[in-house]
Protein backbone atom coordinates (compact mmCIF):
# COMPACT_ATOMS: atom_id res chain seq x y z
CA MET A 1 -1.08 -15.63 16.18
CA GLY A 2 -1.26 -16.68 19.83
CA GLN A 3 0.91 -14.51 22.12
CA TYR A 4 1.35 -11.77 19.53
CA GLN A 5 3.48 -8.76 20.46
CA PRO A 6 3.20 -5.57 18.35
CA GLY A 7 6.94 -5.57 17.69
CA GLN A 8 6.79 -9.08 16.21
CA LEU A 9 4.11 -8.47 13.55
CA ARG A 10 5.76 -8.50 10.09
CA ARG A 11 2.61 -7.95 8.01
CA TYR A 12 -0.34 -5.71 8.80
CA ASN A 13 -3.24 -7.75 10.17
CA PRO A 14 -6.14 -5.67 11.60
CA ASP A 15 -7.79 -8.67 13.28
CA THR A 16 -4.61 -9.71 15.08
CA ILE A 17 -3.96 -6.12 16.19
CA ALA A 18 -7.58 -5.72 17.37
CA ARG A 19 -7.38 -8.95 19.42
CA TYR A 20 -4.25 -7.69 21.15
CA TYR A 21 -5.56 -4.22 22.06
CA ARG A 22 -9.06 -5.42 22.98
CA TYR A 23 -7.56 -6.75 26.21
CA ARG A 24 -5.37 -3.68 26.83
CA PRO A 25 -7.85 -0.79 27.08
CA TRP A 26 -5.48 1.26 29.23
CA GLN A 27 -3.01 1.51 26.29
CA VAL A 28 -5.80 2.39 23.84
CA TRP A 29 -7.39 5.03 26.04
CA GLY A 30 -4.03 6.45 27.04
CA ARG A 31 -3.05 7.01 23.41
CA LEU A 32 -6.53 8.26 22.44
CA ILE A 33 -6.56 10.84 25.25
CA THR A 34 -3.05 12.01 24.23
CA ILE A 35 -4.13 12.52 20.59
CA ALA A 36 -7.48 14.15 21.44
CA TRP A 37 -5.96 16.46 24.07
CA SER A 38 -3.12 17.54 21.72
CA PHE A 39 -5.52 18.53 18.93
CA ALA A 40 -8.01 20.12 21.36
CA VAL A 41 -5.28 22.43 22.72
CA PHE A 42 -4.21 23.36 19.17
CA VAL A 43 -7.79 24.07 17.98
CA PHE A 44 -8.45 26.12 21.14
CA GLY A 45 -5.35 28.20 20.32
CA LEU A 46 -6.70 28.93 16.83
CA LYS A 47 -10.08 29.95 18.25
CA TRP A 48 -8.43 32.09 20.92
CA ASP A 49 -6.56 33.98 18.17
CA GLU A 50 -9.91 34.68 16.46
CA TRP A 51 -11.53 35.93 19.67
CA GLN A 52 -8.54 38.18 20.44
CA ASN A 53 -8.14 39.39 16.83
CA ARG A 54 -4.58 38.05 16.77
CA VAL A 55 -4.84 35.62 13.82
CA GLU A 56 -2.32 37.44 11.61
CA GLN A 57 0.05 38.10 14.49
CA ASN A 58 0.18 34.42 15.55
CA ARG A 59 0.19 32.76 12.13
CA GLU A 60 3.82 31.59 12.23
CA LYS A 61 3.51 30.53 15.86
CA ARG A 62 0.47 28.30 15.15
CA ALA A 63 2.12 26.79 12.06
CA THR A 64 5.15 25.82 14.14
CA GLN A 65 2.83 24.39 16.81
CA LEU A 66 1.09 22.17 14.23
CA ARG A 67 4.41 20.79 12.96
CA GLU A 68 5.61 20.15 16.51
CA LEU A 69 2.28 18.53 17.40
CA LEU A 70 2.43 16.08 14.47
CA THR A 71 6.10 15.34 15.20
CA LYS A 72 5.32 14.64 18.87
CA LEU A 73 2.44 12.31 17.96
CA GLY A 74 4.83 10.18 15.91
CA PRO A 75 5.27 8.50 12.49
CA THR A 76 1.59 7.93 11.63
CA PHE A 77 0.73 11.61 12.04
CA ILE A 78 3.97 12.71 10.41
CA LYS A 79 2.83 10.76 7.33
CA VAL A 80 -0.43 12.75 7.32
CA GLY A 81 1.54 15.99 7.59
CA GLN A 82 3.81 14.94 4.71
CA ALA A 83 0.78 14.35 2.48
CA LEU A 84 -0.65 17.78 3.38
CA SER A 85 2.73 19.45 2.77
CA THR A 86 2.39 18.85 -0.99
CA ARG A 87 -1.01 20.59 -1.30
CA PRO A 88 -0.50 24.37 -1.59
CA ASP A 89 -4.08 24.54 -2.87
CA LEU A 90 -5.47 23.10 0.39
CA ILE A 91 -3.10 24.41 3.08
CA ARG A 92 -2.32 28.06 3.74
CA LYS A 93 1.28 29.08 3.06
CA ASP A 94 2.47 29.58 6.64
CA PHE A 95 1.32 26.07 7.60
CA LEU A 96 2.74 24.67 4.36
CA ASP A 97 6.22 26.11 5.00
CA GLU A 98 6.31 24.32 8.36
CA LEU A 99 4.80 21.01 7.18
CA ILE A 100 7.43 20.78 4.41
CA LYS A 101 9.99 20.34 7.21
CA LEU A 102 8.33 17.00 8.06
CA GLN A 103 9.73 15.51 4.84
CA ASP A 104 13.34 15.28 6.00
CA GLN A 105 13.91 17.72 8.88
CA LEU A 106 12.56 15.65 11.76
CA PRO A 107 14.33 15.14 15.08
CA ALA A 108 16.85 12.30 14.81
CA PHE A 109 16.94 9.47 17.32
CA ASP A 110 20.09 8.75 19.30
CA ASN A 111 23.17 8.14 17.13
CA ALA A 112 24.50 5.37 19.39
CA ILE A 113 21.21 3.47 19.00
CA ALA A 114 21.40 3.82 15.19
CA TYR A 115 25.00 2.49 15.10
CA GLN A 116 23.96 -0.38 17.38
CA ILE A 117 21.05 -1.26 15.01
CA ILE A 118 23.49 -1.29 12.04
CA GLU A 119 25.91 -3.61 13.82
CA THR A 120 23.18 -5.94 15.17
CA GLU A 121 21.35 -6.19 11.84
CA LEU A 122 24.47 -6.65 9.66
CA ASP A 123 26.40 -8.71 12.24
CA LYS A 124 29.54 -6.65 11.73
CA SER A 125 31.09 -3.60 13.33
CA VAL A 126 30.69 -0.26 11.53
CA SER A 127 34.45 -0.16 10.79
CA GLU A 128 34.27 -3.57 9.09
CA ILE A 129 31.72 -2.23 6.57
CA PHE A 130 32.46 1.49 6.04
CA SER A 131 35.66 3.44 5.57
CA GLU A 132 33.58 6.56 6.37
CA LEU A 133 30.18 7.07 8.01
CA SER A 134 28.81 10.49 8.96
CA PRO A 135 28.85 10.98 12.75
CA ALA A 136 25.27 12.29 12.60
CA PRO A 137 22.38 11.60 10.20
CA VAL A 138 22.16 13.82 7.10
CA ALA A 139 18.35 13.48 7.08
CA ALA A 140 15.71 12.19 9.46
CA ALA A 141 12.31 11.06 8.18
CA SER A 142 9.17 9.61 9.73
CA LEU A 143 10.29 5.97 9.74
CA GLY A 144 14.08 6.19 9.76
CA GLN A 145 17.16 8.34 9.36
CA VAL A 146 19.90 8.43 6.71
CA TYR A 147 23.70 8.49 7.06
CA ARG A 148 26.19 9.30 4.32
CA GLY A 149 29.02 6.83 4.08
CA ARG A 150 31.63 5.12 1.95
CA LEU A 151 32.12 1.36 1.69
CA LEU A 152 35.58 -0.17 2.12
CA THR A 153 35.44 -0.84 -1.64
CA GLY A 154 35.09 2.92 -2.31
CA GLU A 155 31.42 3.35 -3.30
CA GLU A 156 29.61 6.36 -1.80
CA VAL A 157 26.39 5.20 -0.14
CA ALA A 158 23.31 6.26 1.80
CA VAL A 159 22.61 4.12 4.86
CA LYS A 160 19.00 4.13 6.00
CA VAL A 161 18.40 3.01 9.60
CA GLN A 162 14.91 2.36 10.95
CA ARG A 163 13.61 4.08 14.08
CA PRO A 164 13.38 1.78 17.12
CA TYR A 165 9.99 0.49 18.41
CA LEU A 166 8.17 1.43 15.17
CA ARG A 167 5.79 -1.52 14.94
CA PRO A 168 4.11 -1.08 18.35
CA VAL A 169 3.50 2.64 17.69
CA LEU A 170 2.12 2.06 14.18
CA SER A 171 -0.05 -0.86 15.31
CA LEU A 172 -1.78 1.17 18.04
CA ASP A 173 -2.32 4.23 15.81
CA LEU A 174 -3.74 2.11 12.98
CA TYR A 175 -6.06 0.36 15.46
CA LEU A 176 -7.37 3.78 16.59
CA MET A 177 -7.66 5.08 13.01
CA ARG A 178 -9.66 2.00 12.01
CA TRP A 179 -11.96 2.41 15.00
CA ALA A 180 -12.43 6.11 14.20
CA ALA A 181 -13.09 5.31 10.51
CA SER A 182 -15.88 2.83 11.36
CA TRP A 183 -17.43 5.27 13.85
CA LEU A 184 -17.19 8.36 11.63
CA ALA A 185 -18.26 6.83 8.28
CA PRO A 186 -22.05 7.25 8.72
CA TRP A 187 -21.63 10.91 9.74
CA LEU A 188 -19.45 12.01 6.84
CA PRO A 189 -21.00 13.94 3.90
CA LEU A 190 -19.34 11.51 1.46
CA ASN A 191 -20.96 8.28 0.43
CA LEU A 192 -17.99 6.13 1.42
CA GLY A 193 -19.67 3.75 3.86
CA HIS A 194 -17.52 0.87 5.07
CA ASP A 195 -14.83 1.70 2.53
CA LEU A 196 -13.20 4.07 5.01
CA THR A 197 -11.94 1.08 7.00
CA LEU A 198 -10.69 -0.53 3.77
CA ILE A 199 -8.73 2.65 3.04
CA VAL A 200 -7.17 2.48 6.53
CA ASP A 201 -6.34 -1.20 5.93
CA GLU A 202 -4.69 -0.36 2.60
CA PHE A 203 -2.69 2.40 4.31
CA GLY A 204 -1.73 -0.01 7.11
CA SER A 205 -0.60 -2.72 4.67
CA LYS A 206 1.56 -0.23 2.80
CA LEU A 207 2.99 1.20 6.02
CA PHE A 208 4.06 -2.27 7.19
CA GLU A 209 5.59 -2.96 3.77
CA GLU A 210 7.40 0.37 4.03
CA ILE A 211 9.14 -0.60 7.27
CA ASP A 212 10.52 -3.81 5.70
CA TYR A 213 13.71 -2.58 4.02
CA LEU A 214 14.26 -5.90 2.20
CA ASN A 215 10.91 -5.31 0.51
CA GLU A 216 11.98 -1.73 -0.30
CA GLY A 217 15.17 -3.00 -1.94
CA ARG A 218 13.20 -5.42 -4.13
CA ASN A 219 10.82 -2.59 -5.07
CA ALA A 220 13.76 -0.36 -6.08
CA GLU A 221 15.17 -3.03 -8.37
CA LYS A 222 11.79 -3.69 -9.99
CA PHE A 223 11.28 0.07 -10.49
CA ALA A 224 14.79 0.40 -11.97
CA HIS A 225 14.07 -2.47 -14.39
CA ASN A 226 10.91 -0.72 -15.63
CA PHE A 227 12.84 2.52 -16.33
CA ARG A 228 16.03 0.85 -17.57
CA ASN A 229 15.68 2.46 -21.02
CA ASP A 230 14.65 5.90 -19.73
CA LEU A 231 17.64 8.24 -19.67
CA GLN A 232 15.70 10.87 -17.67
CA VAL A 233 14.92 8.74 -14.59
CA LYS A 234 17.57 7.63 -12.07
CA VAL A 235 17.11 4.83 -9.50
CA PRO A 236 19.90 4.15 -6.95
CA SER A 237 21.53 0.71 -6.82
CA ILE A 238 21.02 -1.51 -3.74
CA TYR A 239 23.98 -3.05 -1.87
CA TRP A 240 22.38 -6.28 -0.69
CA ARG A 241 25.40 -7.47 1.37
CA PHE A 242 24.78 -4.54 3.70
CA THR A 243 20.98 -4.58 3.78
CA SER A 244 18.49 -6.17 6.20
CA SER A 245 14.84 -5.62 7.20
CA ARG A 246 15.89 -2.58 9.32
CA VAL A 247 19.02 -1.31 7.52
CA LEU A 248 19.15 -0.35 3.82
CA THR A 249 22.40 0.54 2.02
CA LEU A 250 22.00 2.13 -1.40
CA GLU A 251 23.86 4.33 -3.88
CA TRP A 252 24.25 7.95 -2.79
CA ILE A 253 22.36 10.44 -5.00
CA ASN A 254 23.64 13.99 -5.47
CA GLY A 255 20.77 16.32 -6.25
CA PHE A 256 18.28 18.97 -5.15
CA LYS A 257 14.80 18.56 -3.72
CA LEU A 258 12.19 19.27 -6.38
CA THR A 259 10.83 22.20 -4.37
CA ASP A 260 14.26 23.87 -4.17
CA THR A 261 13.74 25.92 -7.34
CA LYS A 262 16.54 28.34 -6.47
CA ARG A 263 19.24 25.65 -6.46
CA ILE A 264 17.69 23.92 -9.49
CA ARG A 265 17.93 27.17 -11.49
CA GLU A 266 21.46 27.87 -10.17
CA ALA A 267 22.49 24.46 -11.54
CA GLY A 268 21.30 25.60 -14.98
CA LEU A 269 18.24 23.34 -14.92
CA ASP A 270 14.69 24.21 -15.95
CA PRO A 271 12.13 23.39 -13.19
CA GLU A 272 9.43 23.02 -15.88
CA ALA A 273 11.47 20.28 -17.57
CA ILE A 274 11.84 18.46 -14.25
CA ILE A 275 8.05 18.73 -13.71
CA ARG A 276 7.48 17.11 -17.10
CA ILE A 277 9.81 14.21 -16.26
CA GLY A 278 7.98 13.71 -12.95
CA VAL A 279 4.47 13.77 -14.45
CA THR A 280 5.38 11.62 -17.48
CA SER A 281 7.19 9.03 -15.35
CA GLY A 282 4.18 9.01 -12.99
CA LEU A 283 1.86 8.29 -15.93
CA GLN A 284 4.19 5.54 -17.17
CA GLN A 285 4.02 3.92 -13.74
CA LEU A 286 0.22 3.92 -13.79
CA LEU A 287 -0.57 3.29 -17.46
CA GLU A 288 2.40 1.25 -18.75
CA TYR A 289 4.07 -0.68 -15.94
CA GLY A 290 1.25 -0.74 -13.38
CA PHE A 291 3.89 -0.56 -10.61
CA PHE A 292 3.70 2.88 -9.06
CA HIS A 293 5.30 5.02 -6.36
CA ALA A 294 2.56 5.77 -3.83
CA ASP A 295 4.52 8.33 -1.77
CA PRO A 296 6.15 10.80 -4.22
CA HIS A 297 6.61 13.74 -1.83
CA PRO A 298 9.51 16.20 -2.44
CA GLY A 299 11.71 14.46 0.15
CA ASN A 300 11.71 11.38 -2.11
CA LEU A 301 12.29 13.11 -5.47
CA PHE A 302 15.45 14.89 -6.55
CA ALA A 303 16.58 16.90 -9.56
CA MET A 304 20.11 15.82 -10.49
CA PRO A 305 22.76 18.21 -11.89
CA ASP A 306 22.72 16.33 -15.23
CA GLY A 307 18.97 17.03 -15.70
CA ARG A 308 17.68 13.62 -14.62
CA MET A 309 15.09 13.10 -11.89
CA ALA A 310 15.90 10.58 -9.15
CA TYR A 311 13.50 8.56 -7.01
CA ILE A 312 15.11 7.59 -3.70
CA ASP A 313 12.43 5.92 -1.55
CA PHE A 314 10.58 2.76 -2.58
CA GLY A 315 8.87 1.73 0.64
CA MET A 316 5.32 2.56 -0.41
CA MET A 317 4.59 1.03 -3.81
CA ASP A 318 1.59 -0.72 -5.38
CA GLN A 319 0.78 -2.86 -8.41
CA LEU A 320 -2.14 -2.44 -10.83
CA GLU A 321 -3.68 -5.24 -12.85
CA GLU A 322 -3.48 -5.05 -16.66
CA LYS A 323 -7.24 -4.56 -16.97
CA THR A 324 -7.14 -1.65 -14.52
CA LYS A 325 -4.35 0.06 -16.49
CA GLU A 326 -6.34 -0.25 -19.71
CA THR A 327 -9.51 1.08 -18.06
CA LEU A 328 -7.57 4.07 -16.68
CA VAL A 329 -6.47 4.94 -20.25
CA ASP A 330 -10.11 4.61 -21.32
CA ALA A 331 -11.31 6.86 -18.50
CA LEU A 332 -8.79 9.61 -19.29
CA VAL A 333 -9.65 9.53 -22.99
CA HIS A 334 -13.41 9.49 -22.33
CA LEU A 335 -13.02 12.36 -19.85
CA VAL A 336 -11.11 14.53 -22.32
CA ASN A 337 -13.49 13.62 -25.18
CA LYS A 338 -16.47 14.27 -22.86
CA ASP A 339 -17.98 10.81 -23.48
CA TYR A 340 -19.78 10.70 -20.14
CA THR A 341 -21.77 7.50 -20.79
CA ASP A 342 -18.56 5.60 -21.46
CA LEU A 343 -16.93 7.34 -18.49
CA ALA A 344 -19.73 6.13 -16.18
CA THR A 345 -19.08 2.58 -17.45
CA ASP A 346 -15.36 3.08 -16.69
CA PHE A 347 -16.28 4.01 -13.10
CA VAL A 348 -18.19 0.73 -12.83
CA ASN A 349 -15.25 -1.25 -14.25
CA LEU A 350 -12.83 0.47 -11.85
CA GLY A 351 -15.02 -0.28 -8.82
CA PHE A 352 -16.19 3.27 -8.04
CA LEU A 353 -19.75 2.11 -8.79
CA THR A 354 -21.22 -1.36 -8.23
CA PRO A 355 -22.03 -3.44 -11.37
CA ASN A 356 -25.79 -3.25 -10.72
CA THR A 357 -25.80 0.58 -10.52
CA ASN A 358 -28.19 2.33 -12.90
CA ILE A 359 -25.84 4.76 -14.64
CA ALA A 360 -28.58 6.59 -16.58
CA PRO A 361 -29.14 9.33 -13.94
CA ILE A 362 -25.39 9.51 -13.22
CA VAL A 363 -24.38 10.40 -16.79
CA PRO A 364 -25.94 13.92 -16.82
CA ALA A 365 -24.54 14.50 -13.31
CA LEU A 366 -21.04 13.57 -14.54
CA GLU A 367 -21.48 15.91 -17.48
CA ALA A 368 -22.63 18.78 -15.25
CA VAL A 369 -19.84 18.40 -12.69
CA LEU A 370 -16.87 17.22 -14.77
CA GLY A 371 -17.78 19.31 -17.81
CA ASN A 372 -17.70 22.36 -15.57
CA ALA A 373 -14.42 21.27 -13.97
CA ILE A 374 -12.67 20.73 -17.31
CA GLY A 375 -14.07 23.90 -18.86
CA LYS A 376 -13.91 24.79 -22.52
CA ASN A 377 -10.15 24.31 -22.62
CA VAL A 378 -8.82 20.88 -21.71
CA GLY A 379 -5.69 22.59 -20.37
CA ASP A 380 -7.75 24.04 -17.51
CA PHE A 381 -8.17 20.55 -16.02
CA ASN A 382 -6.48 19.72 -12.72
CA PHE A 383 -7.10 17.26 -9.91
CA LYS A 384 -7.97 19.98 -7.43
CA THR A 385 -10.97 21.11 -9.48
CA ILE A 386 -12.02 17.50 -10.01
CA THR A 387 -11.80 16.55 -6.31
CA ASP A 388 -13.61 19.73 -5.28
CA GLN A 389 -16.45 19.09 -7.73
CA PHE A 390 -16.56 15.34 -7.29
CA SER A 391 -17.54 15.56 -3.62
CA GLU A 392 -20.99 16.66 -4.81
CA LEU A 393 -21.38 13.43 -6.79
CA MET A 394 -20.13 11.33 -3.84
CA TYR A 395 -22.89 12.80 -1.70
CA GLU A 396 -25.76 12.35 -4.17
CA TYR A 397 -24.86 9.09 -5.95
CA PRO A 398 -23.55 5.68 -4.78
CA PHE A 399 -19.88 6.33 -5.54
CA ARG A 400 -17.26 4.74 -3.33
CA VAL A 401 -13.46 4.88 -3.32
CA PRO A 402 -11.85 1.44 -3.84
CA ALA A 403 -9.05 0.94 -1.34
CA LYS A 404 -6.34 0.66 -4.01
CA PHE A 405 -7.48 3.90 -5.62
CA ALA A 406 -6.98 5.80 -2.39
CA LEU A 407 -3.23 5.31 -2.99
CA ILE A 408 -3.48 6.19 -6.70
CA ILE A 409 -5.39 9.39 -5.93
CA ARG A 410 -2.88 10.25 -3.22
CA SER A 411 0.00 9.68 -5.65
CA LEU A 412 -1.61 11.84 -8.35
CA VAL A 413 -2.59 14.73 -6.09
CA THR A 414 0.84 14.66 -4.45
CA GLN A 415 2.60 14.90 -7.81
CA GLU A 416 0.26 17.68 -8.89
CA GLY A 417 0.89 19.42 -5.57
CA ILE A 418 4.66 19.33 -6.15
CA ALA A 419 4.16 20.74 -9.65
CA LEU A 420 1.85 23.48 -8.32
CA SER A 421 4.48 24.48 -5.75
CA LEU A 422 7.00 24.89 -8.62
CA ASN A 423 4.51 26.58 -10.93
CA PRO A 424 1.13 27.83 -9.59
CA ASN A 425 -0.25 27.84 -13.17
CA PHE A 426 0.70 24.22 -13.85
CA LYS A 427 -1.97 22.17 -15.71
CA ILE A 428 -1.44 18.42 -15.51
CA VAL A 429 -3.27 17.66 -18.76
CA GLU A 430 -0.85 19.83 -20.73
CA VAL A 431 1.74 17.16 -19.90
CA SER A 432 -0.35 14.02 -19.47
CA TYR A 433 -2.64 14.09 -22.49
CA PRO A 434 0.20 14.47 -25.05
CA TYR A 435 1.76 11.39 -23.43
CA VAL A 436 -1.52 9.45 -23.64
CA ALA A 437 -2.07 10.60 -27.24
CA ARG A 438 1.42 9.41 -28.20
CA ARG A 439 0.82 6.08 -26.48
CA LEU A 440 -2.45 5.58 -28.34
CA LEU A 441 -1.02 6.56 -31.74
CA THR A 442 2.06 4.38 -31.41
CA GLY A 443 -0.21 1.54 -30.23
CA GLU A 444 2.42 -1.08 -29.35
CA SER A 445 -0.18 -3.48 -27.93
CA PRO A 446 -3.47 -4.85 -29.35
CA GLN A 447 -5.30 -3.38 -26.33
CA LEU A 448 -4.04 0.14 -27.07
CA ARG A 449 -4.83 -0.22 -30.78
CA ARG A 450 -8.38 -1.23 -29.85
CA ARG A 451 -8.66 1.85 -27.68
CA LEU A 452 -7.50 4.05 -30.54
CA LEU A 453 -10.20 2.54 -32.77
CA ASN A 454 -12.79 3.20 -30.06
CA ILE A 455 -11.74 6.86 -30.03
CA LEU A 456 -11.62 7.29 -33.80
CA PHE A 457 -15.02 5.69 -34.46
CA LYS A 458 -18.22 6.83 -32.80
CA ASP A 459 -21.61 5.37 -33.77
CA GLY A 460 -19.94 3.73 -36.79
CA LYS A 461 -18.58 7.03 -38.15
CA PHE A 462 -14.93 8.03 -38.40
CA GLN A 463 -14.10 11.03 -36.18
CA TRP A 464 -11.71 13.08 -38.34
CA GLN A 465 -11.52 15.90 -35.79
CA ARG A 466 -10.44 13.51 -33.03
CA LEU A 467 -7.60 12.15 -35.17
CA GLU A 468 -6.47 15.72 -35.87
CA ASN A 469 -6.65 16.55 -32.17
CA LEU A 470 -4.71 13.43 -31.18
CA ILE A 471 -1.91 14.14 -33.67
CA ALA A 472 -1.78 17.84 -32.75
CA ILE A 473 -1.63 17.05 -29.03
CA ALA A 474 0.87 14.19 -29.45
CA ARG A 475 3.20 16.47 -31.42
CA THR A 476 3.56 18.68 -28.33
CA ASP A 477 5.30 15.68 -26.68
CA GLY A 478 8.99 15.88 -27.52
CA ASN A 479 9.21 12.06 -27.76
CA PHE A 480 6.59 11.84 -30.53
CA ASP A 481 7.77 11.25 -34.10
CA VAL A 482 5.19 11.12 -36.90
CA LEU A 483 7.16 8.85 -39.27
CA PRO A 484 7.65 5.78 -37.01
CA THR A 485 4.03 6.18 -35.96
CA ALA A 486 2.89 6.33 -39.60
CA ARG A 487 4.96 3.24 -40.37
CA MET A 488 3.39 1.32 -37.49
CA GLY A 489 -0.03 2.44 -38.70
CA LEU A 490 0.64 1.19 -42.26
CA GLN A 491 1.96 -2.12 -40.98
CA TYR A 492 -1.16 -2.50 -38.89
CA LEU A 493 -3.41 -1.58 -41.85
CA LEU A 494 -1.76 -4.21 -44.04
CA SER A 495 -1.96 -6.94 -41.39
CA ASP A 496 -4.78 -9.43 -40.78
CA GLU A 497 -5.60 -7.55 -37.58
CA GLY A 498 -6.18 -4.38 -39.65
CA LYS A 499 -8.96 -5.82 -41.86
CA PHE A 500 -11.72 -4.01 -39.97
CA LEU A 501 -9.85 -0.68 -40.05
CA ARG A 502 -9.15 -0.98 -43.82
CA ARG A 503 -12.84 -1.36 -44.50
CA GLN A 504 -13.79 1.45 -42.12
CA LEU A 505 -11.22 3.84 -43.64
CA VAL A 506 -12.57 3.25 -47.15
CA LEU A 507 -16.08 3.91 -45.86
CA ALA A 508 -14.87 6.98 -43.95
CA LEU A 509 -13.22 8.46 -47.03
CA THR A 510 -16.44 8.08 -49.03
CA GLU A 511 -19.17 8.44 -46.39
CA ASP A 512 -22.04 10.89 -46.96
CA ASP A 513 -21.56 10.26 -50.73
CA ARG A 514 -18.46 12.42 -51.00
CA LEU A 515 -14.69 12.05 -50.90
CA HIS A 516 -13.33 13.54 -47.68
CA THR A 517 -10.39 15.27 -49.33
CA GLU A 518 -10.71 18.34 -47.12
CA GLU A 519 -10.12 16.31 -43.93
CA VAL A 520 -7.19 14.45 -45.50
CA GLN A 521 -5.69 17.78 -46.59
CA ARG A 522 -5.95 19.13 -43.03
CA LEU A 523 -4.14 16.04 -41.71
CA TRP A 524 -1.43 16.51 -44.38
CA LEU A 525 -0.91 20.16 -43.40
CA LEU A 526 -0.59 19.04 -39.79
CA VAL A 527 2.23 16.55 -40.42
CA LYS A 528 3.92 17.62 -43.68
CA ASP A 529 6.72 19.54 -41.93
CA ASP A 530 7.79 16.30 -40.20
CA LEU A 531 7.77 14.25 -43.43
CA GLN A 532 11.09 15.08 -45.09
CA PRO A 533 11.55 13.34 -48.50
CA ASN A 534 14.73 11.47 -47.55
CA ARG A 535 13.13 10.08 -44.37
CA LEU A 536 9.95 9.19 -46.28
CA LEU A 537 11.98 7.19 -48.79
CA ASP A 538 13.81 5.29 -46.04
CA VAL A 539 10.54 4.40 -44.32
CA ALA A 540 8.94 3.33 -47.63
CA MET A 541 11.89 1.05 -48.46
CA ASP A 542 11.85 -0.50 -44.97
CA LEU A 543 8.11 -1.03 -45.18
CA LEU A 544 8.36 -2.71 -48.59
CA ALA A 545 11.11 -4.95 -47.30
CA ASP A 546 8.87 -6.03 -44.43
CA LEU A 547 5.96 -6.96 -46.70
CA SER A 548 5.90 -10.02 -48.90
CA ARG A 549 4.69 -9.70 -52.52
CA GLU A 550 1.94 -12.20 -51.70
CA GLY A 551 0.81 -10.10 -48.72
CA VAL A 552 0.43 -6.95 -50.81
CA ALA A 553 -1.30 -8.87 -53.59
CA ALA A 554 -3.75 -10.31 -51.08
CA ILE A 555 -4.58 -6.88 -49.67
CA LEU A 556 -4.99 -4.78 -52.82
CA PRO A 557 -7.94 -6.71 -54.35
CA LYS A 558 -9.81 -6.42 -51.02
CA ALA A 559 -9.31 -2.67 -50.85
CA THR A 560 -10.24 -2.30 -54.54
CA SER A 561 -13.35 -4.42 -54.17
CA LEU A 562 -14.45 -2.27 -51.24
CA VAL A 563 -14.20 0.84 -53.38
CA PHE A 564 -16.19 -0.80 -56.21
CA PHE A 565 -18.73 -2.05 -53.70
CA ASP A 566 -19.21 1.47 -52.35
CA ASP A 567 -19.41 2.94 -55.88
CA SER A 568 -22.11 0.46 -56.93
CA ALA A 569 -23.99 1.03 -53.69
CA SER A 570 -23.95 4.77 -54.36
CA LYS A 571 -25.26 4.29 -57.94
CA ASN A 572 -28.05 2.02 -56.74
CA GLN A 573 -29.10 4.64 -54.18
CA GLN A 574 -29.19 7.25 -56.92
């Protein structure tokens, strides 16, 4: 890049940044000494409290010191503090209460500078754009601050203005983090190896994307398109005429931070319902759309008075490939069904294990660790228990964390952390598995239908108990309706694609030389309350209308011949 200056770099490039700072050791060492000295003083204070038996007395004081320390060190460290602020299971309460303030209670930069940035970026005076603009920011975050305003056309808006000199600060911190990652990797008790630097690079790429507000606006519109039919999720509109790379103007959202349970309850809303919207929309991002919010801390998520949940920050997003989405569904299903051999294969496909890894010794280790973490009841599962237990596997076996999955894991644990702060007894599977079960049973894509078949058949035998479990779990999801699902299932059975399943169902009903009427009766008892006669008739008429006479005629002889084939086979065996 020739004469690169940190403020000119639009995309994160570790090689370019390294070339620049390699010839400026005084800047590197100056920043490194500042960081090291700041943390050394803080750690000494904690130790001094222990030696003087004043730990309890100085708890609040030390928590405030940590928040002030991270704030003083700047946006990179504020981001670390924000991530920790959503983990009540990892951070003690006094520290947590202070770190939460890093989400939107940071010191604002000078108002005159912010107004000047707006006018320079939009090439108009403030009065030519807004009829009103708050004289001071209503919130200040790590990378920018927000003003409340009203356009001359009357729309109420939020105006996000970026902090000055961000790129040079971020570039130097990321350079130091990358250096520290390469130096520390061999000494860590986790088998991460060189992947630590890849994780820093992924974080750096996302951070540079986050400070490009044009990119954030495009992300918001893509996110809004994905959730266009979801009445529970709100995404603010972008006003492109008043947006640039450093100024973002978007629709103002009235709401309450997800952690403000008091105001949520006062508004007549149920925090548990808001949690469910958050977790389900998070799963949709990962498993349906593949485009997910990688920074869902409480400062970015709001409960609205009408019961919807709003996302308001789209700087840090990522995209998953279709194959990765499908493998994630596989992994979750295999985990819950305790199919550890298949789960080990999923880890290979996701990149946590290399393709040439011998998974044979890993399977019993997965069973020992994850089986213990899940417990007898699938509802006991949470990401905290998994991450705690998984560190043992990382140490003993060649697991690594793919760079992209560092963001996914961060997104998942952050969402779980928010839910835990609202409800300490929250279990993520109680919300997530009903959603996955519904997705599998409705099977709107060939890939999902294949996955359902993989679940329902094991070693060539139909798993009646799994089908019962799937239906029972799916019915706990308020969006699940048995009848449309049954209709889709019948249509699939009667299609060319359903040939294999038709044969397998006939075999399943008659396997072990008996009719499996008991299993069918259990399934009927499970769903009969949802199958009202008038609705059944409507579905039957619709289904008949969809099928041609020739199609039915072509199917019936095949099904009949299968039954006769099985009958004759049974007689021959006798």
